[in-house]
């Protein structure tokens, strides 16, 4: 059996969205929807993808999807992520800590904050 790593995704890697094919290409499998602990803020970067950061104050629970990714596929997924996004540790609402997609500070400083929406799907729905 292939070793897998849980990866929390909060934007265009989610099911049905623009970059979901990057997960499917490495044979990742969807595990479940959940949220982070309420200690994250979210920004839109160029209105094309989100960037999430853990903060000491003013955070919310962000909607994420958990995927089981073959260990060898993590690097391939990261290489295909938009500039300014990386993989770091993310705290889930149940206290579990998993790898997840997070944003560099400079991207967030230059982006528009969308924390109030609680997730990328909610933000995209509000735009239309």
C-alpha atoms as a PDB file:
ATOM      1  CA  UNK A   1       0.000   0.000   0.000  1.00  0.00           C
ATOM      2  CA  UNK A   2       1.215   3.473  -0.881  1.00  0.00           C
ATOM      3  CA  UNK A   3       2.091   5.811   1.973  1.00  0.00           C
ATOM      4  CA  UNK A   4      -0.190   8.824   1.950  1.00  0.00           C
ATOM      5  CA  UNK A   5      -0.083  12.200   3.630  1.00  0.00           C
ATOM      6  CA  UNK A   6      -3.161  14.204   4.600  1.00  0.00           C
ATOM      7  CA  UNK A   7      -3.215  17.562   2.832  1.00  0.00           C
ATOM      8  CA  UNK A   8      -5.677  20.339   3.694  1.00  0.00           C
ATOM      9  CA  UNK A   9      -6.596  22.467   0.685  1.00  0.00           C
ATOM     10  CA  UNK A  10      -8.568  25.703   0.876  1.00  0.00           C
ATOM     11  CA  UNK A  11      -8.829  26.990  -2.688  1.00  0.00           C
ATOM     12  CA  UNK A  12      -8.513  26.025  -6.313  1.00  0.00           C
ATOM     13  CA  UNK A  13      -7.271  22.512  -5.483  1.00  0.00           C
ATOM     14  CA  UNK A  14     -10.716  21.673  -4.070  1.00  0.00           C
ATOM     15  CA  UNK A  15     -13.097  19.340  -5.889  1.00  0.00           C
ATOM     16  CA  UNK A  16     -14.453  20.764  -9.119  1.00  0.00           C
ATOM     17  CA  UNK A  17     -12.203  23.819  -9.122  1.00  0.00           C
ATOM     18  CA  UNK A  18      -9.454  24.945 -11.501  1.00  0.00           C
ATOM     19  CA  UNK A  19      -6.445  23.074 -10.074  1.00  0.00           C
ATOM     20  CA  UNK A  20      -8.182  19.974  -8.680  1.00  0.00           C
ATOM     21  CA  UNK A  21      -6.707  18.010 -11.580  1.00  0.00           C
ATOM     22  CA  UNK A  22      -3.285  18.462  -9.951  1.00  0.00           C
ATOM     23  CA  UNK A  23      -4.450  16.315  -7.022  1.00  0.00           C
ATOM     24  CA  UNK A  24      -6.116  13.762  -9.250  1.00  0.00           C
ATOM     25  CA  UNK A  25      -2.986  13.495 -11.434  1.00  0.00           C
ATOM     26  CA  UNK A  26      -0.991  12.154  -8.465  1.00  0.00           C
ATOM     27  CA  UNK A  27      -3.800   9.749  -7.462  1.00  0.00           C
ATOM     28  CA  UNK A  28      -4.834  11.724  -4.394  1.00  0.00           C
ATOM     29  CA  UNK A  29      -8.190  10.773  -2.917  1.00  0.00           C
ATOM     30  CA  UNK A  30     -10.756  13.014  -1.248  1.00  0.00           C
ATOM     31  CA  UNK A  31     -11.186  12.237   2.464  1.00  0.00           C
ATOM     32  CA  UNK A  32     -13.653  14.795   3.845  1.00  0.00           C
ATOM     33  CA  UNK A  33     -14.667  18.418   4.239  1.00  0.00           C
ATOM     34  CA  UNK A  34     -13.785  20.101   7.519  1.00  0.00           C
ATOM     35  CA  UNK A  35     -12.615  23.446   8.878  1.00  0.00           C
ATOM     36  CA  UNK A  36      -9.482  24.783  10.474  1.00  0.00           C
ATOM     37  CA  UNK A  37      -9.262  25.937  14.051  1.00  0.00           C
ATOM     38  CA  UNK A  38     -10.568  29.525  14.247  1.00  0.00           C
ATOM     39  CA  UNK A  39      -7.091  31.017  13.959  1.00  0.00           C
ATOM     40  CA  UNK A  40      -6.714  31.736  10.232  1.00  0.00           C
ATOM     41  CA  UNK A  41      -7.216  34.692   7.934  1.00  0.00           C
ATOM     42  CA  UNK A  42      -7.780  34.466   4.203  1.00  0.00           C
ATOM     43  CA  UNK A  43      -6.879  36.715   1.266  1.00  0.00           C
ATOM     44  CA  UNK A  44      -7.666  36.611  -2.425  1.00  0.00           C
ATOM     45  CA  UNK A  45      -4.601  36.851  -4.623  1.00  0.00           C
ATOM     46  CA  UNK A  46      -5.446  38.504  -7.927  1.00  0.00           C
ATOM     47  CA  UNK A  47      -9.006  37.212  -7.455  1.00  0.00           C
ATOM     48  CA  UNK A  48      -7.714  33.870  -8.798  1.00  0.00           C
ATOM     49  CA  UNK A  49      -6.814  31.895  -5.668  1.00  0.00           C
ATOM     50  CA  UNK A  50      -6.772  32.273  -1.888  1.00  0.00           C
ATOM     51  CA  UNK A  51      -3.891  32.503   0.546  1.00  0.00           C
ATOM     52  CA  UNK A  52      -4.422  31.432   4.153  1.00  0.00           C
ATOM     53  CA  UNK A  53      -2.307  32.345   7.170  1.00  0.00           C
ATOM     54  CA  UNK A  54      -2.482  31.423  10.841  1.00  0.00           C
ATOM     55  CA  UNK A  55      -2.766  34.490  13.068  1.00  0.00           C
ATOM     56  CA  UNK A  56      -2.717  35.245  16.786  1.00  0.00           C
ATOM     57  CA  UNK A  57      -5.859  37.419  16.652  1.00  0.00           C
ATOM     58  CA  UNK A  58      -8.822  37.952  14.381  1.00  0.00           C
ATOM     59  CA  UNK A  59      -8.871  34.489  12.865  1.00  0.00           C
ATOM     60  CA  UNK A  60     -11.811  32.356  11.789  1.00  0.00           C
ATOM     61  CA  UNK A  61     -12.403  28.703  10.974  1.00  0.00           C
ATOM     62  CA  UNK A  62     -11.698  28.316   7.243  1.00  0.00           C
ATOM     63  CA  UNK A  63     -13.460  25.676   5.150  1.00  0.00           C
ATOM     64  CA  UNK A  64     -10.983  23.102   3.820  1.00  0.00           C
ATOM     65  CA  UNK A  65     -10.970  19.725   2.116  1.00  0.00           C
ATOM     66  CA  UNK A  66      -8.723  16.929   3.315  1.00  0.00           C
ATOM     67  CA  UNK A  67      -7.053  14.784   0.675  1.00  0.00           C
ATOM     68  CA  UNK A  68      -4.913  11.672   1.069  1.00  0.00           C
ATOM     69  CA  UNK A  69      -1.940  12.318  -1.209  1.00  0.00           C
ATOM     70  CA  UNK A  70       0.707   9.745  -2.085  1.00  0.00           C
ATOM     71  CA  UNK A  71       3.902  10.986  -0.425  1.00  0.00           C
ATOM     72  CA  UNK A  72       5.697  11.171  -3.769  1.00  0.00           C
ATOM     73  CA  UNK A  73       2.975  13.488  -5.131  1.00  0.00           C
ATOM     74  CA  UNK A  74       3.353  16.290  -2.561  1.00  0.00           C
ATOM     75  CA  UNK A  75       6.332  17.863  -4.354  1.00  0.00           C
ATOM     76  CA  UNK A  76       4.589  17.707  -7.730  1.00  0.00           C
ATOM     77  CA  UNK A  77       1.504  19.440  -6.341  1.00  0.00           C
ATOM     78  CA  UNK A  78       3.599  22.133  -4.644  1.00  0.00           C
ATOM     79  CA  UNK A  79       5.549  22.828  -7.841  1.00  0.00           C
ATOM     80  CA  UNK A  80       2.263  23.467  -9.665  1.00  0.00           C
ATOM     81  CA  UNK A  81       0.825  25.836  -7.070  1.00  0.00           C
ATOM     82  CA  UNK A  82       0.611  29.550  -7.927  1.00  0.00           C
ATOM     83  CA  UNK A  83       3.556  31.701  -6.774  1.00  0.00           C
ATOM     84  CA  UNK A  84       3.431  32.595  -3.095  1.00  0.00           C
ATOM     85  CA  UNK A  85       1.662  29.430  -1.963  1.00  0.00           C
ATOM     86  CA  UNK A  86       3.467  26.694  -0.066  1.00  0.00           C
ATOM     87  CA  UNK A  87       2.864  23.709   2.171  1.00  0.00           C
ATOM     88  CA  UNK A  88       2.943  24.179   5.931  1.00  0.00           C
ATOM     89  CA  UNK A  89       1.224  22.800   8.996  1.00  0.00           C
ATOM     90  CA  UNK A  90      -2.485  23.549   9.412  1.00  0.00           C
ATOM     91  CA  UNK A  91      -4.524  23.043  12.583  1.00  0.00           C
ATOM     92  CA  UNK A  92      -7.956  21.524  12.074  1.00  0.00           C
ATOM     93  CA  UNK A  93     -11.036  22.181  14.196  1.00  0.00           C
ATOM     94  CA  UNK A  94     -10.689  18.748  15.849  1.00  0.00           C
ATOM     95  CA  UNK A  95      -7.143  19.595  16.997  1.00  0.00           C
ATOM     96  CA  UNK A  96      -5.403  17.461  14.377  1.00  0.00           C
ATOM     97  CA  UNK A  97      -2.415  19.050  12.666  1.00  0.00           C
ATOM     98  CA  UNK A  98      -1.885  18.186   8.996  1.00  0.00           C
ATOM     99  CA  UNK A  99       0.021  19.570   6.056  1.00  0.00           C
ATOM    100  CA  UNK A 100      -1.886  22.227   4.161  1.00  0.00           C
ATOM    101  CA  UNK A 101      -1.617  24.958   1.576  1.00  0.00           C
ATOM    102  CA  UNK A 102      -0.699  28.304   3.125  1.00  0.00           C
ATOM    103  CA  UNK A 103       0.248  31.712   1.747  1.00  0.00           C
ATOM    104  CA  UNK A 104       3.417  33.732   2.101  1.00  0.00           C
ATOM    105  CA  UNK A 105       3.042  36.960   4.053  1.00  0.00           C
ATOM    106  CA  UNK A 106       3.936  39.149   1.081  1.00  0.00           C
ATOM    107  CA  UNK A 107       1.054  37.708  -0.971  1.00  0.00           C
ATOM    108  CA  UNK A 108      -1.389  38.410   1.805  1.00  0.00           C
ATOM    109  CA  UNK A 109      -0.062  41.925   2.331  1.00  0.00           C
ATOM    110  CA  UNK A 110      -0.710  42.642  -1.353  1.00  0.00           C
ATOM    111  CA  UNK A 111      -4.044  40.799  -1.566  1.00  0.00           C
ATOM    112  CA  UNK A 112      -7.580  41.667  -0.532  1.00  0.00           C
ATOM    113  CA  UNK A 113      -8.691  40.140   2.747  1.00  0.00           C
ATOM    114  CA  UNK A 114     -11.686  37.797   2.463  1.00  0.00           C
ATOM    115  CA  UNK A 115     -11.617  36.251   5.945  1.00  0.00           C
ATOM    116  CA  UNK A 116     -15.254  37.262   6.545  1.00  0.00           C
ATOM    117  CA  UNK A 117     -16.402  34.660   3.978  1.00  0.00           C
ATOM    118  CA  UNK A 118     -14.825  31.752   5.863  1.00  0.00           C
ATOM    119  CA  UNK A 119     -13.631  30.030   2.709  1.00  0.00           C
ATOM    120  CA  UNK A 120     -12.884  30.245  -0.984  1.00  0.00           C
ATOM    121  CA  UNK A 121     -16.156  28.685  -2.182  1.00  0.00           C
ATOM    122  CA  UNK A 122     -18.216  31.136  -0.128  1.00  0.00           C
ATOM    123  CA  UNK A 123     -16.178  34.043  -1.444  1.00  0.00           C
ATOM    124  CA  UNK A 124     -16.584  32.866  -5.058  1.00  0.00           C
ATOM    125  CA  UNK A 125     -20.340  32.452  -4.565  1.00  0.00           C
ATOM    126  CA  UNK A 126     -20.602  35.998  -3.193  1.00  0.00           C
ATOM    127  CA  UNK A 127     -18.733  37.417  -6.209  1.00  0.00           C
ATOM    128  CA  UNK A 128     -21.384  36.223  -8.660  1.00  0.00           C
END
